[in-house]
Amino acid sequence: MQYAVANLIFTIIDLYWWVVIAMAVMSWLIAFDVVNTRSRAVYSLWNALNALTEPVLRPIRSVLPSLGGMDISPIILLLALQFLRNLVAGQLGGIG
């Protein structure tokens, strides 16, 4: 039973990890005008990624100091996700 729960938690953390990566890459693509948010597909994807990540990134951004336009909150979130994954693995006896 522990193994199944740990696997579910690890899968959720891993999926959210990739959502954060996709959001960061897409923000760069939009910033450098590689993709255009006037496209309905791009706009829909961007809204979905923002809806999934913004509630978690907003508190991190409020604590971080201004770095001159560079947003490192996704990196902090990725580190926190890795810490959470390691914490769960440690609590469940090294599974994962």
PDB file of N, CA and C in Angstrom:
ATOM      1  N   MET A   1       0.821  -1.198   0.000  1.00  0.00           N
ATOM      2  CA  MET A   1       0.000   0.000   0.000  1.00  0.00           C
ATOM      3  C   MET A   1       0.866   1.262   0.000  1.00  0.00           C
ATOM      4  N   GLN A   2       1.930   1.253   0.814  1.00  0.00           N
ATOM      5  CA  GLN A   2       2.822   2.410   0.862  1.00  0.00           C
ATOM      6  C   GLN A   2       3.455   2.673  -0.494  1.00  0.00           C
ATOM      7  N   TYR A   3       3.810   1.602  -1.171  1.00  0.00           N
ATOM      8  CA  TYR A   3       4.450   1.738  -2.474  1.00  0.00           C
ATOM      9  C   TYR A   3       3.508   2.398  -3.471  1.00  0.00           C
ATOM     10  N   ALA A   4       2.226   2.033  -3.448  1.00  0.00           N
ATOM     11  CA  ALA A   4       1.245   2.612  -4.366  1.00  0.00           C
ATOM     12  C   ALA A   4       1.034   4.098  -4.078  1.00  0.00           C
ATOM     13  N   VAL A   5       0.943   4.445  -2.815  1.00  0.00           N
ATOM     14  CA  VAL A   5       0.765   5.851  -2.437  1.00  0.00           C
ATOM     15  C   VAL A   5       1.997   6.666  -2.821  1.00  0.00           C
ATOM     16  N   ALA A   6       3.172   6.106  -2.552  1.00  0.00           N
ATOM     17  CA  ALA A   6       4.408   6.804  -2.906  1.00  0.00           C
ATOM     18  C   ALA A   6       4.499   6.995  -4.416  1.00  0.00           C
ATOM     19  N   ASN A   7       4.145   5.968  -5.170  1.00  0.00           N
ATOM     20  CA  ASN A   7       4.176   6.083  -6.625  1.00  0.00           C
ATOM     21  C   ASN A   7       3.228   7.161  -7.121  1.00  0.00           C
ATOM     22  N   LEU A   8       2.039   7.241  -6.537  1.00  0.00           N
ATOM     23  CA  LEU A   8       1.078   8.278  -6.920  1.00  0.00           C
ATOM     24  C   LEU A   8       1.617   9.665  -6.611  1.00  0.00           C
ATOM     25  N   ILE A   9       2.181   9.842  -5.426  1.00  0.00           N
ATOM     26  CA  ILE A   9       2.740  11.142  -5.044  1.00  0.00           C
ATOM     27  C   ILE A   9       3.900  11.517  -5.958  1.00  0.00           C
ATOM     28  N   PHE A  10       4.777  10.568  -6.240  1.00  0.00           N
ATOM     29  CA  PHE A  10       5.914  10.849  -7.128  1.00  0.00           C
ATOM     30  C   PHE A  10       5.447  11.200  -8.534  1.00  0.00           C
ATOM     31  N   THR A  11       4.424  10.523  -9.023  1.00  0.00           N
ATOM     32  CA  THR A  11       3.896  10.812 -10.354  1.00  0.00           C
ATOM     33  C   THR A  11       3.299  12.217 -10.414  1.00  0.00           C
ATOM     34  N   ILE A  12       2.570  12.604  -9.385  1.00  0.00           N
ATOM     35  CA  ILE A  12       1.985  13.951  -9.344  1.00  0.00           C
ATOM     36  C   ILE A  12       3.085  15.005  -9.296  1.00  0.00           C
ATOM     37  N   ILE A  13       4.094  14.780  -8.475  1.00  0.00           N
ATOM     38  CA  ILE A  13       5.207  15.731  -8.386  1.00  0.00           C
ATOM     39  C   ILE A  13       5.938  15.820  -9.722  1.00  0.00           C
ATOM     40  N   ASP A  14       6.185  14.672 -10.365  1.00  0.00           N
ATOM     41  CA  ASP A  14       6.880  14.660 -11.654  1.00  0.00           C
ATOM     42  C   ASP A  14       6.072  15.372 -12.740  1.00  0.00           C
ATOM     43  N   LEU A  15       4.764  15.150 -12.769  1.00  0.00           N
ATOM     44  CA  LEU A  15       3.919  15.840 -13.758  1.00  0.00           C
ATOM     45  C   LEU A  15       3.936  17.347 -13.531  1.00  0.00           C
ATOM     46  N   TYR A  16       3.833  17.755 -12.275  1.00  0.00           N
ATOM     47  CA  TYR A  16       3.857  19.196 -11.987  1.00  0.00           C
ATOM     48  C   TYR A  16       5.218  19.788 -12.318  1.00  0.00           C
ATOM     49  N   TRP A  17       6.290  19.014 -12.131  1.00  0.00           N
ATOM     50  CA  TRP A  17       7.644  19.438 -12.507  1.00  0.00           C
ATOM     51  C   TRP A  17       7.648  19.820 -13.996  1.00  0.00           C
ATOM     52  N   TRP A  18       7.082  18.955 -14.838  1.00  0.00           N
ATOM     53  CA  TRP A  18       7.067  19.216 -16.288  1.00  0.00           C
ATOM     54  C   TRP A  18       6.150  20.365 -16.654  1.00  0.00           C
ATOM     55  N   VAL A  19       5.081  20.583 -15.908  1.00  0.00           N
ATOM     56  CA  VAL A  19       4.213  21.741 -16.142  1.00  0.00           C
ATOM     57  C   VAL A  19       4.989  23.028 -15.873  1.00  0.00           C
ATOM     58  N   VAL A  20       5.769  23.051 -14.798  1.00  0.00           N
ATOM     59  CA  VAL A  20       6.578  24.239 -14.479  1.00  0.00           C
ATOM     60  C   VAL A  20       7.637  24.475 -15.558  1.00  0.00           C
ATOM     61  N   ILE A  21       8.277  23.409 -16.019  1.00  0.00           N
ATOM     62  CA  ILE A  21       9.267  23.539 -17.098  1.00  0.00           C
ATOM     63  C   ILE A  21       8.604  24.083 -18.359  1.00  0.00           C
ATOM     64  N   ALA A  22       7.445  23.534 -18.720  1.00  0.00           N
ATOM     65  CA  ALA A  22       6.728  23.985 -19.922  1.00  0.00           C
ATOM     66  C   ALA A  22       6.337  25.455 -19.802  1.00  0.00           C
ATOM     67  N   MET A  23       5.911  25.875 -18.612  1.00  0.00           N
ATOM     68  CA  MET A  23       5.545  27.279 -18.409  1.00  0.00           C
ATOM     69  C   MET A  23       6.755  28.186 -18.575  1.00  0.00           C
ATOM     70  N   ALA A  24       7.906  27.777 -18.030  1.00  0.00           N
ATOM     71  CA  ALA A  24       9.108  28.600 -18.140  1.00  0.00           C
ATOM     72  C   ALA A  24       9.565  28.708 -19.595  1.00  0.00           C
ATOM     73  N   VAL A  25       9.568  27.586 -20.298  1.00  0.00           N
ATOM     74  CA  VAL A  25       9.988  27.607 -21.705  1.00  0.00           C
ATOM     75  C   VAL A  25       9.022  28.446 -22.533  1.00  0.00           C
ATOM     76  N   MET A  26       7.733  28.273 -22.289  1.00  0.00           N
ATOM     77  CA  MET A  26       6.758  29.047 -23.059  1.00  0.00           C
ATOM     78  C   MET A  26       6.869  30.540 -22.757  1.00  0.00           C
ATOM     79  N   SER A  27       7.182  30.898 -21.529  1.00  0.00           N
ATOM     80  CA  SER A  27       7.349  32.324 -21.209  1.00  0.00           C
ATOM     81  C   SER A  27       8.535  32.909 -21.974  1.00  0.00           C
ATOM     82  N   TRP A  28       9.604  32.108 -22.128  1.00  0.00           N
ATOM     83  CA  TRP A  28      10.745  32.583 -22.929  1.00  0.00           C
ATOM     84  C   TRP A  28      10.355  32.724 -24.384  1.00  0.00           C
ATOM     85  N   LEU A  29       9.626  31.747 -24.907  1.00  0.00           N
ATOM     86  CA  LEU A  29       9.204  31.801 -26.311  1.00  0.00           C
ATOM     87  C   LEU A  29       8.305  33.007 -26.571  1.00  0.00           C
ATOM     88  N   ILE A  30       7.451  33.327 -25.624  1.00  0.00           N
ATOM     89  CA  ILE A  30       6.595  34.508 -25.773  1.00  0.00           C
ATOM     90  C   ILE A  30       7.421  35.775 -25.637  1.00  0.00           C
ATOM     91  N   ALA A  31       8.337  35.818 -24.684  1.00  0.00           N
ATOM     92  CA  ALA A  31       9.161  37.012 -24.463  1.00  0.00           C
ATOM     93  C   ALA A  31      10.034  37.324 -25.674  1.00  0.00           C
ATOM     94  N   PHE A  32      10.565  36.295 -26.328  1.00  0.00           N
ATOM     95  CA  PHE A  32      11.420  36.509 -27.490  1.00  0.00           C
ATOM     96  C   PHE A  32      10.636  36.510 -28.795  1.00  0.00           C
ATOM     97  N   ASP A  33       9.313  36.541 -28.697  1.00  0.00           N
ATOM     98  CA  ASP A  33       8.403  36.653 -29.832  1.00  0.00           C
ATOM     99  C   ASP A  33       8.562  35.503 -30.830  1.00  0.00           C
ATOM    100  N   VAL A  34       8.861  34.324 -30.312  1.00  0.00           N
ATOM    101  CA  VAL A  34       8.925  33.135 -31.158  1.00  0.00           C
ATOM    102  C   VAL A  34       7.518  32.610 -31.399  1.00  0.00           C
ATOM    103  N   VAL A  35       6.697  32.631 -30.351  1.00  0.00           N
ATOM    104  CA  VAL A  35       5.284  32.295 -30.494  1.00  0.00           C
ATOM    105  C   VAL A  35       4.464  33.523 -30.131  1.00  0.00           C
ATOM    106  N   ASN A  36       3.271  33.581 -30.677  1.00  0.00           N
ATOM    107  CA  ASN A  36       2.431  34.753 -30.514  1.00  0.00           C
ATOM    108  C   ASN A  36       1.173  34.359 -29.759  1.00  0.00           C
ATOM    109  N   THR A  37       0.847  35.096 -28.712  1.00  0.00           N
ATOM    110  CA  THR A  37      -0.326  34.781 -27.909  1.00  0.00           C
ATOM    111  C   THR A  37      -1.629  35.166 -28.602  1.00  0.00           C
ATOM    112  N   ARG A  38      -1.546  35.795 -29.759  1.00  0.00           N
ATOM    113  CA  ARG A  38      -2.774  36.076 -30.512  1.00  0.00           C
ATOM    114  C   ARG A  38      -3.318  34.807 -31.157  1.00  0.00           C
ATOM    115  N   SER A  39      -2.480  33.794 -31.278  1.00  0.00           N
ATOM    116  CA  SER A  39      -2.946  32.494 -31.762  1.00  0.00           C
ATOM    117  C   SER A  39      -3.800  31.856 -30.669  1.00  0.00           C
ATOM    118  N   ARG A  40      -4.952  31.350 -31.056  1.00  0.00           N
ATOM    119  CA  ARG A  40      -5.884  30.795 -30.075  1.00  0.00           C
ATOM    120  C   ARG A  40      -5.280  29.594 -29.336  1.00  0.00           C
ATOM    121  N   ALA A  41      -4.561  28.738 -30.038  1.00  0.00           N
ATOM    122  CA  ALA A  41      -3.961  27.559 -29.407  1.00  0.00           C
ATOM    123  C   ALA A  41      -2.884  27.967 -28.399  1.00  0.00           C
ATOM    124  N   VAL A  42      -2.040  28.903 -28.786  1.00  0.00           N
ATOM    125  CA  VAL A  42      -0.978  29.369 -27.890  1.00  0.00           C
ATOM    126  C   VAL A  42      -1.589  30.051 -26.671  1.00  0.00           C
ATOM    127  N   TYR A  43      -2.608  30.874 -26.897  1.00  0.00           N
ATOM    128  CA  TYR A  43      -3.262  31.580 -25.805  1.00  0.00           C
ATOM    129  C   TYR A  43      -3.911  30.593 -24.826  1.00  0.00           C
ATOM    130  N   SER A  44      -4.563  29.560 -25.351  1.00  0.00           N
ATOM    131  CA  SER A  44      -5.205  28.559 -24.495  1.00  0.00           C
ATOM    132  C   SER A  44      -4.171  27.797 -23.672  1.00  0.00           C
ATOM    133  N   LEU A  45      -3.089  27.394 -24.315  1.00  0.00           N
ATOM    134  CA  LEU A  45      -2.026  26.678 -23.604  1.00  0.00           C
ATOM    135  C   LEU A  45      -1.403  27.568 -22.533  1.00  0.00           C
ATOM    136  N   TRP A  46      -1.143  28.819 -22.872  1.00  0.00           N
ATOM    137  CA  TRP A  46      -0.546  29.753 -21.922  1.00  0.00           C
ATOM    138  C   TRP A  46      -1.468  29.968 -20.722  1.00  0.00           C
ATOM    139  N   ASN A  47      -2.771  30.124 -20.971  1.00  0.00           N
ATOM    140  CA  ASN A  47      -3.719  30.294 -19.864  1.00  0.00           C
ATOM    141  C   ASN A  47      -3.763  29.062 -18.975  1.00  0.00           C
ATOM    142  N   ALA A  48      -3.733  27.877 -19.575  1.00  0.00           N
ATOM    143  CA  ALA A  48      -3.761  26.641 -18.791  1.00  0.00           C
ATOM    144  C   ALA A  48      -2.504  26.519 -17.929  1.00  0.00           C
ATOM    145  N   LEU A  49      -1.345  26.786 -18.513  1.00  0.00           N
ATOM    146  CA  LEU A  49      -0.096  26.697 -17.752  1.00  0.00           C
ATOM    147  C   LEU A  49      -0.060  27.727 -16.633  1.00  0.00           C
ATOM    148  N   ASN A  50      -0.534  28.934 -16.917  1.00  0.00           N
ATOM    149  CA  ASN A  50      -0.577  29.969 -15.873  1.00  0.00           C
ATOM    150  C   ASN A  50      -1.545  29.599 -14.759  1.00  0.00           C
ATOM    151  N   ALA A  51      -2.691  29.031 -15.122  1.00  0.00           N
ATOM    152  CA  ALA A  51      -3.670  28.641 -14.102  1.00  0.00           C
ATOM    153  C   ALA A  51      -3.113  27.549 -13.188  1.00  0.00           C
ATOM    154  N   LEU A  52      -2.273  26.687 -13.727  1.00  0.00           N
ATOM    155  CA  LEU A  52      -1.699  25.605 -12.931  1.00  0.00           C
ATOM    156  C   LEU A  52      -0.506  26.052 -12.077  1.00  0.00           C
ATOM    157  N   THR A  53       0.253  27.021 -12.551  1.00  0.00           N
ATOM    158  CA  THR A  53       1.483  27.390 -11.845  1.00  0.00           C
ATOM    159  C   THR A  53       1.395  28.686 -11.043  1.00  0.00           C
ATOM    160  N   GLU A  54       0.598  29.613 -11.473  1.00  0.00           N
ATOM    161  CA  GLU A  54       0.579  30.934 -10.833  1.00  0.00           C
ATOM    162  C   GLU A  54       0.194  30.898  -9.353  1.00  0.00           C
ATOM    163  N   PRO A  55      -0.783  30.083  -8.927  1.00  0.00           N
ATOM    164  CA  PRO A  55      -1.096  30.059  -7.488  1.00  0.00           C
ATOM    165  C   PRO A  55       0.076  29.604  -6.617  1.00  0.00           C
ATOM    166  N   VAL A  56       0.977  28.816  -7.156  1.00  0.00           N
ATOM    167  CA  VAL A  56       2.139  28.366  -6.386  1.00  0.00           C
ATOM    168  C   VAL A  56       3.298  29.348  -6.530  1.00  0.00           C
ATOM    169  N   LEU A  57       3.445  29.936  -7.707  1.00  0.00           N
ATOM    170  CA  LEU A  57       4.569  30.850  -7.943  1.00  0.00           C
ATOM    171  C   LEU A  57       4.352  32.230  -7.302  1.00  0.00           C
ATOM    172  N   ARG A  58       3.117  32.670  -7.174  1.00  0.00           N
ATOM    173  CA  ARG A  58       2.839  34.011  -6.638  1.00  0.00           C
ATOM    174  C   ARG A  58       3.414  34.215  -5.236  1.00  0.00           C
ATOM    175  N   PRO A  59       3.209  33.276  -4.290  1.00  0.00           N
ATOM    176  CA  PRO A  59       3.806  33.477  -2.960  1.00  0.00           C
ATOM    177  C   PRO A  59       5.338  33.471  -2.984  1.00  0.00           C
ATOM    178  N   ILE A  60       5.915  32.675  -3.869  1.00  0.00           N
ATOM    179  CA  ILE A  60       7.379  32.646  -3.978  1.00  0.00           C
ATOM    180  C   ILE A  60       7.876  33.991  -4.491  1.00  0.00           C
ATOM    181  N   ARG A  61       7.191  34.548  -5.497  1.00  0.00           N
ATOM    182  CA  ARG A  61       7.587  35.849  -6.052  1.00  0.00           C
ATOM    183  C   ARG A  61       7.456  36.968  -5.024  1.00  0.00           C
ATOM    184  N   SER A  62       6.480  36.858  -4.133  1.00  0.00           N
ATOM    185  CA  SER A  62       6.290  37.929  -3.149  1.00  0.00           C
ATOM    186  C   SER A  62       7.422  37.951  -2.117  1.00  0.00           C
ATOM    187  N   VAL A  63       8.099  36.823  -1.925  1.00  0.00           N
ATOM    188  CA  VAL A  63       9.180  36.745  -0.952  1.00  0.00           C
ATOM    189  C   VAL A  63      10.530  37.089  -1.578  1.00  0.00           C
ATOM    190  N   LEU A  64      10.715  36.740  -2.854  1.00  0.00           N
ATOM    191  CA  LEU A  64      12.001  36.966  -3.519  1.00  0.00           C
ATOM    192  C   LEU A  64      12.251  38.449  -3.779  1.00  0.00           C
ATOM    193  N   PRO A  65      13.492  38.893  -3.659  1.00  0.00           N
ATOM    194  CA  PRO A  65      13.807  40.288  -4.010  1.00  0.00           C
ATOM    195  C   PRO A  65      13.808  40.462  -5.529  1.00  0.00           C
ATOM    196  N   SER A  66      13.693  41.691  -5.962  1.00  0.00           N
ATOM    197  CA  SER A  66      13.710  42.000  -7.395  1.00  0.00           C
ATOM    198  C   SER A  66      15.113  41.769  -7.949  1.00  0.00           C
ATOM    199  N   LEU A  67      15.194  41.057  -9.048  1.00  0.00           N
ATOM    200  CA  LEU A  67      16.485  40.763  -9.666  1.00  0.00           C
ATOM    201  C   LEU A  67      16.604  41.414 -11.044  1.00  0.00           C
ATOM    202  N   GLY A  68      15.974  42.555 -11.215  1.00  0.00           N
ATOM    203  CA  GLY A  68      16.103  43.285 -12.468  1.00  0.00           C
ATOM    204  C   GLY A  68      15.401  42.622 -13.644  1.00  0.00           C
ATOM    205  N   GLY A  69      14.212  42.131 -13.440  1.00  0.00           N
ATOM    206  CA  GLY A  69      13.450  41.542 -14.527  1.00  0.00           C
ATOM    207  C   GLY A  69      13.667  40.051 -14.722  1.00  0.00           C
ATOM    208  N   MET A  70      14.550  39.460 -13.942  1.00  0.00           N
ATOM    209  CA  MET A  70      14.782  38.025 -14.067  1.00  0.00           C
ATOM    210  C   MET A  70      13.954  37.303 -12.992  1.00  0.00           C
ATOM    211  N   ASP A  71      13.133  36.371 -13.432  1.00  0.00           N
ATOM    212  CA  ASP A  71      12.241  35.651 -12.531  1.00  0.00           C
ATOM    213  C   ASP A  71      12.832  34.270 -12.234  1.00  0.00           C
ATOM    214  N   ILE A  72      13.284  34.089 -11.006  1.00  0.00           N
ATOM    215  CA  ILE A  72      13.855  32.786 -10.633  1.00  0.00           C
ATOM    216  C   ILE A  72      12.877  31.955  -9.800  1.00  0.00           C
ATOM    217  N   SER A  73      11.629  32.409  -9.698  1.00  0.00           N
ATOM    218  CA  SER A  73      10.653  31.664  -8.901  1.00  0.00           C
ATOM    219  C   SER A  73      10.402  30.253  -9.431  1.00  0.00           C
ATOM    220  N   PRO A  74      10.408  30.006 -10.767  1.00  0.00           N
ATOM    221  CA  PRO A  74      10.263  28.603 -11.204  1.00  0.00           C
ATOM    222  C   PRO A  74      11.415  27.712 -10.725  1.00  0.00           C
ATOM    223  N   ILE A  75      12.610  28.254 -10.649  1.00  0.00           N
ATOM    224  CA  ILE A  75      13.750  27.467 -10.172  1.00  0.00           C
ATOM    225  C   ILE A  75      13.562  27.123  -8.695  1.00  0.00           C
ATOM    226  N   ILE A  76      13.107  28.091  -7.914  1.00  0.00           N
ATOM    227  CA  ILE A  76      12.840  27.859  -6.490  1.00  0.00           C
ATOM    228  C   ILE A  76      11.747  26.801  -6.339  1.00  0.00           C
ATOM    229  N   LEU A  77      10.715  26.879  -7.170  1.00  0.00           N
ATOM    230  CA  LEU A  77       9.636  25.897  -7.119  1.00  0.00           C
ATOM    231  C   LEU A  77      10.140  24.504  -7.491  1.00  0.00           C
ATOM    232  N   LEU A  78      10.981  24.405  -8.493  1.00  0.00           N
ATOM    233  CA  LEU A  78      11.536  23.107  -8.886  1.00  0.00           C
ATOM    234  C   LEU A  78      12.396  22.516  -7.763  1.00  0.00           C
ATOM    235  N   LEU A  79      13.163  23.358  -7.094  1.00  0.00           N
ATOM    236  CA  LEU A  79      13.942  22.889  -5.942  1.00  0.00           C
ATOM    237  C   LEU A  79      13.030  22.410  -4.810  1.00  0.00           C
ATOM    238  N   ALA A  80      11.944  23.141  -4.581  1.00  0.00           N
ATOM    239  CA  ALA A  80      10.994  22.750  -3.537  1.00  0.00           C
ATOM    240  C   ALA A  80      10.309  21.429  -3.885  1.00  0.00           C
ATOM    241  N   LEU A  81       9.982  21.235  -5.156  1.00  0.00           N
ATOM    242  CA  LEU A  81       9.382  19.971  -5.575  1.00  0.00           C
ATOM    243  C   LEU A  81      10.349  18.803  -5.374  1.00  0.00           C
ATOM    244  N   GLN A  82      11.615  19.025  -5.682  1.00  0.00           N
ATOM    245  CA  GLN A  82      12.606  17.972  -5.473  1.00  0.00           C
ATOM    246  C   GLN A  82      12.771  17.674  -3.984  1.00  0.00           C
ATOM    247  N   PHE A  83      12.766  18.724  -3.166  1.00  0.00           N
ATOM    248  CA  PHE A  83      12.845  18.541  -1.718  1.00  0.00           C
ATOM    249  C   PHE A  83      11.646  17.742  -1.219  1.00  0.00           C
ATOM    250  N   LEU A  84      10.445  18.075  -1.704  1.00  0.00           N
ATOM    251  CA  LEU A  84       9.233  17.370  -1.306  1.00  0.00           C
ATOM    252  C   LEU A  84       9.300  15.901  -1.711  1.00  0.00           C
ATOM    253  N   ARG A  85       9.802  15.650  -2.909  1.00  0.00           N
ATOM    254  CA  ARG A  85       9.936  14.263  -3.391  1.00  0.00           C
ATOM    255  C   ARG A  85      10.903  13.480  -2.490  1.00  0.00           C
ATOM    256  N   ASN A  86      12.025  14.097  -2.138  1.00  0.00           N
ATOM    257  CA  ASN A  86      12.993  13.439  -1.262  1.00  0.00           C
ATOM    258  C   ASN A  86      12.425  13.240   0.146  1.00  0.00           C
ATOM    259  N   LEU A  87      11.659  14.201   0.613  1.00  0.00           N
ATOM    260  CA  LEU A  87      11.043  14.100   1.939  1.00  0.00           C
ATOM    261  C   LEU A  87      10.075  12.934   1.984  1.00  0.00           C
ATOM    262  N   VAL A  88       9.234  12.809   0.965  1.00  0.00           N
ATOM    263  CA  VAL A  88       8.278  11.702   0.916  1.00  0.00           C
ATOM    264  C   VAL A  88       9.013  10.377   0.827  1.00  0.00           C
ATOM    265  N   ALA A  89      10.050  10.327   0.001  1.00  0.00           N
ATOM    266  CA  ALA A  89      10.828   9.078  -0.137  1.00  0.00           C
ATOM    267  C   ALA A  89      11.472   8.704   1.190  1.00  0.00           C
ATOM    268  N   GLY A  90      11.979   9.673   1.925  1.00  0.00           N
ATOM    269  CA  GLY A  90      12.590   9.403   3.222  1.00  0.00           C
ATOM    270  C   GLY A  90      11.589   8.920   4.237  1.00  0.00           C
ATOM    271  N   GLN A  91      10.395   9.489   4.213  1.00  0.00           N
ATOM    272  CA  GLN A  91       9.365   9.100   5.166  1.00  0.00           C
ATOM    273  C   GLN A  91       8.826   7.694   4.883  1.00  0.00           C
ATOM    274  N   LEU A  92       8.891   7.278   3.620  1.00  0.00           N
ATOM    275  CA  LEU A  92       8.356   5.975   3.251  1.00  0.00           C
ATOM    276  C   LEU A  92       9.452   4.921   3.119  1.00  0.00           C
ATOM    277  N   GLY A  93      10.609   5.189   3.677  1.00  0.00           N
ATOM    278  CA  GLY A  93      11.648   4.180   3.716  1.00  0.00           C
ATOM    279  C   GLY A  93      12.477   4.069   2.448  1.00  0.00           C
ATOM    280  N   GLY A  94      12.731   5.185   1.781  1.00  0.00           N
ATOM    281  CA  GLY A  94      13.617   5.171   0.622  1.00  0.00           C
ATOM    282  C   GLY A  94      12.977   4.700  -0.670  1.00  0.00           C
ATOM    283  N   ILE A  95      11.666   4.662  -0.741  1.00  0.00           N
ATOM    284  CA  ILE A  95      10.986   4.288  -1.980  1.00  0.00           C
ATOM    285  C   ILE A  95      11.132   5.413  -2.978  1.00  0.00           C
ATOM    286  N   GLY A  96      11.411   5.120  -4.233  1.00  0.00           N
ATOM    287  CA  GLY A  96      11.442   6.124  -5.287  1.00  0.00           C
ATOM    288  C   GLY A  96      12.803   6.566  -5.571  1.00  0.00           C
TER     289      GLY A  96
END
